[in-house]
C-alpha atoms as a PDB file:
ATOM      1  CA  MET A   1     212.325  68.822  -7.605  1.00  0.00           C
ATOM      2  CA  LEU A   2     214.086  68.419 -10.956  1.00  0.00           C
ATOM      3  CA  GLU A   3     216.474  65.835 -12.106  1.00  0.00           C
ATOM      4  CA  ILE A   4     218.581  66.187 -15.245  1.00  0.00           C
ATOM      5  CA  HIS A   5     219.912  63.323 -17.236  1.00  0.00           C
ATOM      6  CA  ILE A   6     222.413  63.993 -20.030  1.00  0.00           C
ATOM      7  CA  GLU A   7     223.297  61.063 -22.141  1.00  0.00           C
ATOM      8  CA  GLU A   8     225.814  60.844 -25.101  1.00  0.00           C
ATOM      9  CA  THR A   9     224.542  58.577 -28.010  1.00  0.00           C
ATOM     10  CA  ALA A  10     225.797  57.788 -31.453  1.00  0.00           C
ATOM     11  CA  GLY A  11     225.702  61.286 -33.139  1.00  0.00           C
ATOM     12  CA  TYR A  12     223.964  63.153 -30.661  1.00  0.00           C
ATOM     13  CA  THR A  13     223.626  64.486 -26.972  1.00  0.00           C
ATOM     14  CA  VAL A  14     220.247  64.042 -25.012  1.00  0.00           C
ATOM     15  CA  CYS A  15     219.193  66.365 -22.434  1.00  0.00           C
ATOM     16  CA  ARG A  16     216.357  65.088 -20.307  1.00  0.00           C
ATOM     17  CA  PRO A  17     214.885  67.020 -17.387  1.00  0.00           C
ATOM     18  CA  VAL A  18     212.642  65.043 -15.384  1.00  0.00           C
ATOM     19  CA  GLY A  19     210.251  67.112 -13.034  1.00  0.00           C
ATOM     20  CA  GLU A  20     208.817  70.624 -13.408  1.00  0.00           C
ATOM     21  CA  LEU A  21     210.404  73.300 -15.014  1.00  0.00           C
ATOM     22  CA  ASP A  22     209.621  76.518 -13.129  1.00  0.00           C
ATOM     23  CA  ALA A  23     211.244  79.516 -11.325  1.00  0.00           C
ATOM     24  CA  TYR A  24     212.281  77.180  -8.559  1.00  0.00           C
ATOM     25  CA  THR A  25     214.223  74.709 -11.066  1.00  0.00           C
ATOM     26  CA  VAL A  26     214.969  76.910 -13.904  1.00  0.00           C
ATOM     27  CA  ALA A  27     218.570  77.732 -12.717  1.00  0.00           C
ATOM     28  CA  GLN A  28     219.341  73.784 -12.701  1.00  0.00           C
ATOM     29  CA  PHE A  29     218.034  73.529 -16.149  1.00  0.00           C
ATOM     30  CA  ARG A  30     219.884  76.625 -17.320  1.00  0.00           C
ATOM     31  CA  GLU A  31     223.210  75.189 -16.168  1.00  0.00           C
ATOM     32  CA  ALA A  32     222.714  71.937 -17.689  1.00  0.00           C
ATOM     33  CA  LEU A  33     221.723  73.340 -21.060  1.00  0.00           C
ATOM     34  CA  ALA A  34     225.051  75.649 -20.782  1.00  0.00           C
ATOM     35  CA  THR A  35     226.884  72.360 -20.369  1.00  0.00           C
ATOM     36  CA  VAL A  36     225.781  70.824 -23.353  1.00  0.00           C
ATOM     37  CA  ALA A  37     225.509  73.854 -25.464  1.00  0.00           C
ATOM     38  CA  SER A  38     228.722  73.118 -27.335  1.00  0.00           C
ATOM     39  CA  THR A  39     227.686  69.737 -28.649  1.00  0.00           C
ATOM     40  CA  PRO A  40     227.225  69.703 -32.522  1.00  0.00           C
ATOM     41  CA  ARG A  41     223.717  67.998 -32.030  1.00  0.00           C
ATOM     42  CA  LEU A  42     221.372  68.397 -29.230  1.00  0.00           C
ATOM     43  CA  LEU A  43     218.170  66.834 -28.596  1.00  0.00           C
ATOM     44  CA  ILE A  44     216.143  68.144 -25.619  1.00  0.00           C
ATOM     45  CA  ASP A  45     213.460  65.591 -24.271  1.00  0.00           C
ATOM     46  CA  LEU A  46     210.651  67.139 -22.460  1.00  0.00           C
ATOM     47  CA  SER A  47     208.762  63.991 -22.235  1.00  0.00           C
ATOM     48  CA  GLU A  48     209.298  63.786 -18.346  1.00  0.00           C
ATOM     49  CA  VAL A  49     208.250  67.432 -17.727  1.00  0.00           C
ATOM     50  CA  PRO A  50     204.650  67.719 -16.333  1.00  0.00           C
ATOM     51  CA  PHE A  51     204.662  71.520 -16.159  1.00  0.00           C
ATOM     52  CA  MET A  52     206.763  74.242 -17.640  1.00  0.00           C
ATOM     53  CA  ASP A  53     206.139  78.046 -16.858  1.00  0.00           C
ATOM     54  CA  SER A  54     207.440  81.104 -18.606  1.00  0.00           C
ATOM     55  CA  ALA A  55     210.963  80.855 -16.667  1.00  0.00           C
ATOM     56  CA  GLY A  56     211.411  77.244 -17.989  1.00  0.00           C
ATOM     57  CA  LEU A  57     210.556  78.362 -21.544  1.00  0.00           C
ATOM     58  CA  GLY A  58     213.024  81.377 -21.454  1.00  0.00           C
ATOM     59  CA  ALA A  59     215.554  78.890 -20.223  1.00  0.00           C
ATOM     60  CA  LEU A  60     214.876  76.514 -23.198  1.00  0.00           C
ATOM     61  CA  ILE A  61     215.097  79.406 -25.428  1.00  0.00           C
ATOM     62  CA  GLY A  62     218.309  80.574 -23.936  1.00  0.00           C
ATOM     63  CA  GLY A  63     219.893  77.178 -24.258  1.00  0.00           C
ATOM     64  CA  ILE A  64     218.880  76.741 -27.754  1.00  0.00           C
ATOM     65  CA  ARG A  65     220.338  80.271 -28.701  1.00  0.00           C
ATOM     66  CA  ARG A  66     223.668  79.396 -26.846  1.00  0.00           C
ATOM     67  CA  ALA A  67     223.749  76.003 -28.885  1.00  0.00           C
ATOM     68  CA  ARG A  68     223.214  77.890 -32.060  1.00  0.00           C
ATOM     69  CA  GLU A  69     225.646  80.509 -31.353  1.00  0.00           C
ATOM     70  CA  ALA A  70     228.176  77.192 -31.271  1.00  0.00           C
ATOM     71  CA  ASP A  71     226.949  76.342 -34.658  1.00  0.00           C
ATOM     72  CA  GLY A  72     224.930  73.425 -33.043  1.00  0.00           C
ATOM     73  CA  GLU A  73     221.462  71.886 -34.063  1.00  0.00           C
ATOM     74  CA  VAL A  74     218.762  71.522 -31.575  1.00  0.00           C
ATOM     75  CA  THR A  75     215.406  69.382 -31.732  1.00  0.00           C
ATOM     76  CA  VAL A  76     212.931  68.822 -29.105  1.00  0.00           C
ATOM     77  CA  ALA A  77     210.831  65.870 -28.243  1.00  0.00           C
ATOM     78  CA  CYS A  78     207.701  66.496 -26.404  1.00  0.00           C
ATOM     79  CA  SER A  79     204.904  63.811 -25.913  1.00  0.00           C
ATOM     80  CA  ARG A  80     202.914  65.907 -23.489  1.00  0.00           C
ATOM     81  CA  PRO A  81     199.919  67.561 -25.096  1.00  0.00           C
ATOM     82  CA  THR A  82     199.705  70.568 -22.712  1.00  0.00           C
ATOM     83  CA  LEU A  83     203.499  71.378 -23.279  1.00  0.00           C
ATOM     84  CA  THR A  84     203.286  70.644 -26.972  1.00  0.00           C
ATOM     85  CA  ARG A  85     200.210  73.228 -27.107  1.00  0.00           C
ATOM     86  CA  LEU A  86     202.342  75.718 -25.176  1.00  0.00           C
ATOM     87  CA  LEU A  87     205.355  75.465 -27.512  1.00  0.00           C
ATOM     88  CA  HIS A  88     203.135  75.798 -30.614  1.00  0.00           C
ATOM     89  CA  THR A  89     201.140  78.612 -29.279  1.00  0.00           C
ATOM     90  CA  THR A  90     204.438  80.705 -28.202  1.00  0.00           C
ATOM     91  CA  GLY A  91     205.889  79.954 -31.840  1.00  0.00           C
ATOM     92  CA  PHE A  92     208.559  77.987 -30.210  1.00  0.00           C
ATOM     93  CA  ASP A  93     208.186  75.388 -33.149  1.00  0.00           C
ATOM     94  CA  ARG A  94     209.171  77.804 -35.630  1.00  0.00           C
ATOM     95  CA  ILE A  95     212.596  78.191 -33.877  1.00  0.00           C
ATOM     96  CA  VAL A  96     213.393  74.383 -33.549  1.00  0.00           C
ATOM     97  CA  PRO A  97     211.691  71.255 -34.867  1.00  0.00           C
ATOM     98  CA  VAL A  98     209.363  69.760 -32.150  1.00  0.00           C
ATOM     99  CA  THR A  99     208.511  66.222 -32.482  1.00  0.00           C
ATOM    100  CA  GLU A 100     206.314  63.872 -30.442  1.00  0.00           C
ATOM    101  CA  THR A 101     208.964  61.194 -29.989  1.00  0.00           C
ATOM    102  CA  VAL A 102     212.671  61.014 -29.250  1.00  0.00           C
ATOM    103  CA  GLU A 103     213.144  58.903 -32.414  1.00  0.00           C
ATOM    104  CA  GLU A 104     211.574  61.681 -34.648  1.00  0.00           C
ATOM    105  CA  ALA A 105     213.563  64.216 -32.966  1.00  0.00           C
ATOM    106  CA  ALA A 106     216.873  62.098 -33.341  1.00  0.00           C
ATOM    107  CA  ARG A 107     215.963  61.595 -37.037  1.00  0.00           C
ATOM    108  CA  ALA A 108     215.260  65.324 -37.658  1.00  0.00           C
ATOM    109  CA  LEU A 109     218.921  65.873 -36.181  1.00  0.00           C
ATOM    110  CA  LEU A 110     220.659  63.299 -37.963  1.00  0.00           C
ATOM    111  CA  ASP A 111     218.957  64.230 -41.497  1.00  0.00           C
ATOM    112  CA  SER A 112     219.700  67.976 -40.783  1.00  0.00           C
ATOM    113  CA  PRO A 113     221.320  69.154 -44.222  1.00  0.00           C
ATOM    114  CA  ARG A 114     223.413  71.647 -42.095  1.00  0.00           C
ATOM    115  CA  GLU A 115     227.115  71.285 -42.033  1.00  0.00           C
ATOM    116  CA  LEU A 116     228.397  70.992 -38.518  1.00  0.00           C
ATOM    117  CA  GLY A 117     232.011  71.267 -37.615  1.00  0.00           C
END
């Protein structure tokens, strides 16, 4: 089972999936990312995701692509070593900043030199 929490904060939107991101739950995650794709600054917090397979990774990349097409900035927070290793191994961290904490991800978003509008 997957729960997805979306929070609006001062300056950015947080999308926080809680549970496994796999072939069974990926549609729900994809829908949530589509909902927040038009926000100017998006922080995806994977700290409560114990497992992610290729379907989850694909949905994550697709969500980031949609956000960027809408001229948005995206960062990912991930404190789980196995997921962080997956994101580094697949080169995902070359697409968007991947930080260990939500605070670091928020700082990267808010310090982004990119003009949003």
